[in-house]
Protein backbone atom coordinates (compact mmCIF):
# COMPACT_ATOMS: atom_id res chain seq x y z
CA UNK A 1 0.00 0.00 0.00
CA UNK A 2 1.38 3.44 -0.95
CA UNK A 3 0.43 6.96 0.05
CA UNK A 4 2.12 10.12 -1.16
CA UNK A 5 5.12 8.24 -2.55
CA UNK A 6 5.87 6.48 0.74
CA UNK A 7 5.32 2.82 1.42
CA UNK A 8 2.91 2.46 4.32
CA UNK A 9 4.01 0.29 7.18
CA UNK A 10 1.89 -2.77 7.83
CA UNK A 11 0.75 -1.48 11.21
CA UNK A 12 0.68 2.25 10.50
CA UNK A 13 -1.08 4.37 13.08
CA UNK A 14 -3.07 6.83 11.00
CA UNK A 15 -5.50 9.41 12.36
CA UNK A 16 -8.45 7.53 10.88
CA UNK A 17 -7.43 4.05 12.06
CA UNK A 18 -8.64 1.83 14.87
CA UNK A 19 -5.11 1.88 16.29
CA UNK A 20 -5.30 5.67 16.72
CA UNK A 21 -8.73 5.38 18.37
CA UNK A 22 -7.02 3.16 20.97
CA UNK A 23 -3.72 5.06 21.06
CA UNK A 24 -5.13 8.51 21.83
CA UNK A 25 -7.24 7.59 24.91
CA UNK A 26 -4.33 5.62 26.37
CA UNK A 27 -1.98 8.58 25.92
CA UNK A 28 -4.52 10.99 27.41
CA UNK A 29 -5.19 8.75 30.42
CA UNK A 30 -1.49 8.35 31.13
CA UNK A 31 -0.88 12.08 30.67
CA UNK A 32 -3.76 13.35 32.81
CA UNK A 33 -4.36 10.57 35.35
CA UNK A 34 -1.18 8.54 35.79
CA UNK A 35 1.56 11.18 35.77
CA UNK A 36 1.06 13.66 38.63
CA UNK A 37 0.42 17.28 37.68
CA UNK A 38 3.45 18.37 39.75
CA UNK A 39 5.67 16.34 37.40
CA UNK A 40 5.01 18.60 34.41
CA UNK A 41 8.41 17.84 32.85
CA UNK A 42 7.60 14.13 32.88
CA UNK A 43 4.24 14.87 31.33
CA UNK A 44 5.82 16.89 28.53
CA UNK A 45 8.49 14.24 27.96
CA UNK A 46 5.80 11.56 27.77
CA UNK A 47 3.81 13.54 25.19
CA UNK A 48 6.94 14.10 23.10
CA UNK A 49 7.80 10.39 23.25
CA UNK A 50 4.22 9.42 22.35
CA UNK A 51 4.25 11.87 19.43
CA UNK A 52 7.54 10.52 18.12
CA UNK A 53 6.25 6.97 18.48
CA UNK A 54 3.07 7.88 16.61
CA UNK A 55 4.91 9.45 13.68
CA UNK A 56 7.59 6.77 13.55
CA UNK A 57 4.99 3.99 13.45
CA UNK A 58 4.10 5.04 9.92
CA UNK A 59 7.64 5.56 8.66
CA UNK A 60 10.73 5.62 10.92
CA UNK A 61 12.32 8.27 8.70
CA UNK A 62 9.69 10.75 9.92
CA UNK A 63 11.18 10.47 13.40
CA UNK A 64 14.47 11.81 12.03
CA UNK A 65 12.66 14.67 10.29
CA UNK A 66 10.75 15.50 13.47
CA UNK A 67 13.94 15.36 15.55
CA UNK A 68 15.73 17.69 13.12
CA UNK A 69 12.85 20.16 13.21
CA UNK A 70 12.69 19.99 17.01
CA UNK A 71 16.42 20.65 17.42
CA UNK A 72 16.46 23.53 14.92
CA UNK A 73 13.50 25.17 16.64
CA UNK A 74 14.98 24.59 20.10
CA UNK A 75 18.30 26.23 19.31
CA UNK A 76 17.14 28.99 16.96
CA UNK A 77 14.01 30.14 18.83
CA UNK A 78 15.90 31.96 21.62
CA UNK A 79 17.69 34.07 18.99
CA UNK A 80 14.39 34.87 17.29
CA UNK A 81 12.92 35.96 20.61
CA UNK A 82 15.68 38.52 21.20
CA UNK A 83 14.91 40.38 17.99
CA UNK A 84 11.17 39.79 18.14
CA UNK A 85 9.48 41.56 15.28
CA UNK A 86 7.02 40.52 12.63
CA UNK A 87 9.65 39.77 9.98
CA UNK A 88 11.78 37.64 12.31
CA UNK A 89 8.72 35.73 13.50
CA UNK A 90 7.56 35.06 9.94
CA UNK A 91 11.07 33.97 8.93
CA UNK A 92 11.22 31.62 11.93
CA UNK A 93 7.89 30.05 11.02
CA UNK A 94 8.97 29.62 7.40
CA UNK A 95 12.32 28.08 8.40
CA UNK A 96 10.62 25.67 10.79
CA UNK A 97 8.13 24.53 8.18
CA UNK A 98 10.83 23.83 5.59
C-alpha atoms as a PDB file:
ATOM      1  CA  UNK A   1       0.000   0.000   0.000  1.00  0.00           C
ATOM      2  CA  UNK A   2       1.379   3.442  -0.947  1.00  0.00           C
ATOM      3  CA  UNK A   3       0.433   6.964   0.047  1.00  0.00           C
ATOM      4  CA  UNK A   4       2.120  10.115  -1.161  1.00  0.00           C
ATOM      5  CA  UNK A   5       5.116   8.241  -2.553  1.00  0.00           C
ATOM      6  CA  UNK A   6       5.872   6.484   0.743  1.00  0.00           C
ATOM      7  CA  UNK A   7       5.322   2.818   1.415  1.00  0.00           C
ATOM      8  CA  UNK A   8       2.913   2.465   4.318  1.00  0.00           C
ATOM      9  CA  UNK A   9       4.008   0.288   7.183  1.00  0.00           C
ATOM     10  CA  UNK A  10       1.891  -2.769   7.827  1.00  0.00           C
ATOM     11  CA  UNK A  11       0.750  -1.475  11.206  1.00  0.00           C
ATOM     12  CA  UNK A  12       0.679   2.246  10.496  1.00  0.00           C
ATOM     13  CA  UNK A  13      -1.084   4.366  13.083  1.00  0.00           C
ATOM     14  CA  UNK A  14      -3.069   6.828  11.003  1.00  0.00           C
ATOM     15  CA  UNK A  15      -5.498   9.413  12.363  1.00  0.00           C
ATOM     16  CA  UNK A  16      -8.452   7.533  10.880  1.00  0.00           C
ATOM     17  CA  UNK A  17      -7.433   4.051  12.059  1.00  0.00           C
ATOM     18  CA  UNK A  18      -8.639   1.829  14.865  1.00  0.00           C
ATOM     19  CA  UNK A  19      -5.112   1.878  16.286  1.00  0.00           C
ATOM     20  CA  UNK A  20      -5.297   5.669  16.723  1.00  0.00           C
ATOM     21  CA  UNK A  21      -8.728   5.376  18.371  1.00  0.00           C
ATOM     22  CA  UNK A  22      -7.024   3.155  20.972  1.00  0.00           C
ATOM     23  CA  UNK A  23      -3.721   5.055  21.060  1.00  0.00           C
ATOM     24  CA  UNK A  24      -5.135   8.512  21.832  1.00  0.00           C
ATOM     25  CA  UNK A  25      -7.238   7.592  24.910  1.00  0.00           C
ATOM     26  CA  UNK A  26      -4.326   5.622  26.374  1.00  0.00           C
ATOM     27  CA  UNK A  27      -1.976   8.580  25.919  1.00  0.00           C
ATOM     28  CA  UNK A  28      -4.515  10.991  27.412  1.00  0.00           C
ATOM     29  CA  UNK A  29      -5.194   8.753  30.418  1.00  0.00           C
ATOM     30  CA  UNK A  30      -1.494   8.347  31.133  1.00  0.00           C
ATOM     31  CA  UNK A  31      -0.885  12.077  30.674  1.00  0.00           C
ATOM     32  CA  UNK A  32      -3.757  13.346  32.811  1.00  0.00           C
ATOM     33  CA  UNK A  33      -4.358  10.566  35.353  1.00  0.00           C
ATOM     34  CA  UNK A  34      -1.181   8.542  35.794  1.00  0.00           C
ATOM     35  CA  UNK A  35       1.559  11.182  35.768  1.00  0.00           C
ATOM     36  CA  UNK A  36       1.064  13.655  38.628  1.00  0.00           C
ATOM     37  CA  UNK A  37       0.416  17.282  37.683  1.00  0.00           C
ATOM     38  CA  UNK A  38       3.446  18.366  39.750  1.00  0.00           C
ATOM     39  CA  UNK A  39       5.674  16.344  37.402  1.00  0.00           C
ATOM     40  CA  UNK A  40       5.013  18.600  34.412  1.00  0.00           C
ATOM     41  CA  UNK A  41       8.405  17.842  32.847  1.00  0.00           C
ATOM     42  CA  UNK A  42       7.604  14.133  32.882  1.00  0.00           C
ATOM     43  CA  UNK A  43       4.236  14.869  31.331  1.00  0.00           C
ATOM     44  CA  UNK A  44       5.823  16.886  28.525  1.00  0.00           C
ATOM     45  CA  UNK A  45       8.487  14.238  27.959  1.00  0.00           C
ATOM     46  CA  UNK A  46       5.797  11.564  27.773  1.00  0.00           C
ATOM     47  CA  UNK A  47       3.812  13.544  25.189  1.00  0.00           C
ATOM     48  CA  UNK A  48       6.938  14.100  23.104  1.00  0.00           C
ATOM     49  CA  UNK A  49       7.798  10.387  23.248  1.00  0.00           C
ATOM     50  CA  UNK A  50       4.223   9.422  22.349  1.00  0.00           C
ATOM     51  CA  UNK A  51       4.255  11.872  19.430  1.00  0.00           C
ATOM     52  CA  UNK A  52       7.543  10.525  18.116  1.00  0.00           C
ATOM     53  CA  UNK A  53       6.245   6.970  18.475  1.00  0.00           C
ATOM     54  CA  UNK A  54       3.071   7.883  16.610  1.00  0.00           C
ATOM     55  CA  UNK A  55       4.906   9.454  13.678  1.00  0.00           C
ATOM     56  CA  UNK A  56       7.586   6.768  13.553  1.00  0.00           C
ATOM     57  CA  UNK A  57       4.995   3.990  13.449  1.00  0.00           C
ATOM     58  CA  UNK A  58       4.102   5.041   9.921  1.00  0.00           C
ATOM     59  CA  UNK A  59       7.638   5.565   8.660  1.00  0.00           C
ATOM     60  CA  UNK A  60      10.725   5.619  10.919  1.00  0.00           C
ATOM     61  CA  UNK A  61      12.318   8.270   8.696  1.00  0.00           C
ATOM     62  CA  UNK A  62       9.692  10.746   9.918  1.00  0.00           C
ATOM     63  CA  UNK A  63      11.182  10.471  13.404  1.00  0.00           C
ATOM     64  CA  UNK A  64      14.469  11.806  12.029  1.00  0.00           C
ATOM     65  CA  UNK A  65      12.660  14.666  10.294  1.00  0.00           C
ATOM     66  CA  UNK A  66      10.751  15.496  13.469  1.00  0.00           C
ATOM     67  CA  UNK A  67      13.940  15.359  15.555  1.00  0.00           C
ATOM     68  CA  UNK A  68      15.729  17.691  13.122  1.00  0.00           C
ATOM     69  CA  UNK A  69      12.847  20.163  13.206  1.00  0.00           C
ATOM     70  CA  UNK A  70      12.687  19.990  17.006  1.00  0.00           C
ATOM     71  CA  UNK A  71      16.419  20.646  17.418  1.00  0.00           C
ATOM     72  CA  UNK A  72      16.462  23.531  14.918  1.00  0.00           C
ATOM     73  CA  UNK A  73      13.504  25.172  16.640  1.00  0.00           C
ATOM     74  CA  UNK A  74      14.978  24.591  20.102  1.00  0.00           C
ATOM     75  CA  UNK A  75      18.304  26.230  19.308  1.00  0.00           C
ATOM     76  CA  UNK A  76      17.140  28.986  16.965  1.00  0.00           C
ATOM     77  CA  UNK A  77      14.009  30.140  18.827  1.00  0.00           C
ATOM     78  CA  UNK A  78      15.898  31.958  21.621  1.00  0.00           C
ATOM     79  CA  UNK A  79      17.691  34.069  18.995  1.00  0.00           C
ATOM     80  CA  UNK A  80      14.390  34.865  17.292  1.00  0.00           C
ATOM     81  CA  UNK A  81      12.919  35.963  20.612  1.00  0.00           C
ATOM     82  CA  UNK A  82      15.685  38.517  21.196  1.00  0.00           C
ATOM     83  CA  UNK A  83      14.907  40.377  17.986  1.00  0.00           C
ATOM     84  CA  UNK A  84      11.168  39.791  18.138  1.00  0.00           C
ATOM     85  CA  UNK A  85       9.483  41.564  15.280  1.00  0.00           C
ATOM     86  CA  UNK A  86       7.018  40.520  12.626  1.00  0.00           C
ATOM     87  CA  UNK A  87       9.646  39.772   9.980  1.00  0.00           C
ATOM     88  CA  UNK A  88      11.778  37.635  12.309  1.00  0.00           C
ATOM     89  CA  UNK A  89       8.724  35.731  13.501  1.00  0.00           C
ATOM     90  CA  UNK A  90       7.559  35.065   9.936  1.00  0.00           C
ATOM     91  CA  UNK A  91      11.069  33.973   8.927  1.00  0.00           C
ATOM     92  CA  UNK A  92      11.222  31.621  11.927  1.00  0.00           C
ATOM     93  CA  UNK A  93       7.890  30.047  11.023  1.00  0.00           C
ATOM     94  CA  UNK A  94       8.969  29.625   7.403  1.00  0.00           C
ATOM     95  CA  UNK A  95      12.317  28.080   8.401  1.00  0.00           C
ATOM     96  CA  UNK A  96      10.623  25.672  10.790  1.00  0.00           C
ATOM     97  CA  UNK A  97       8.132  24.532   8.178  1.00  0.00           C
ATOM     98  CA  UNK A  98      10.829  23.835   5.594  1.00  0.00           C
END
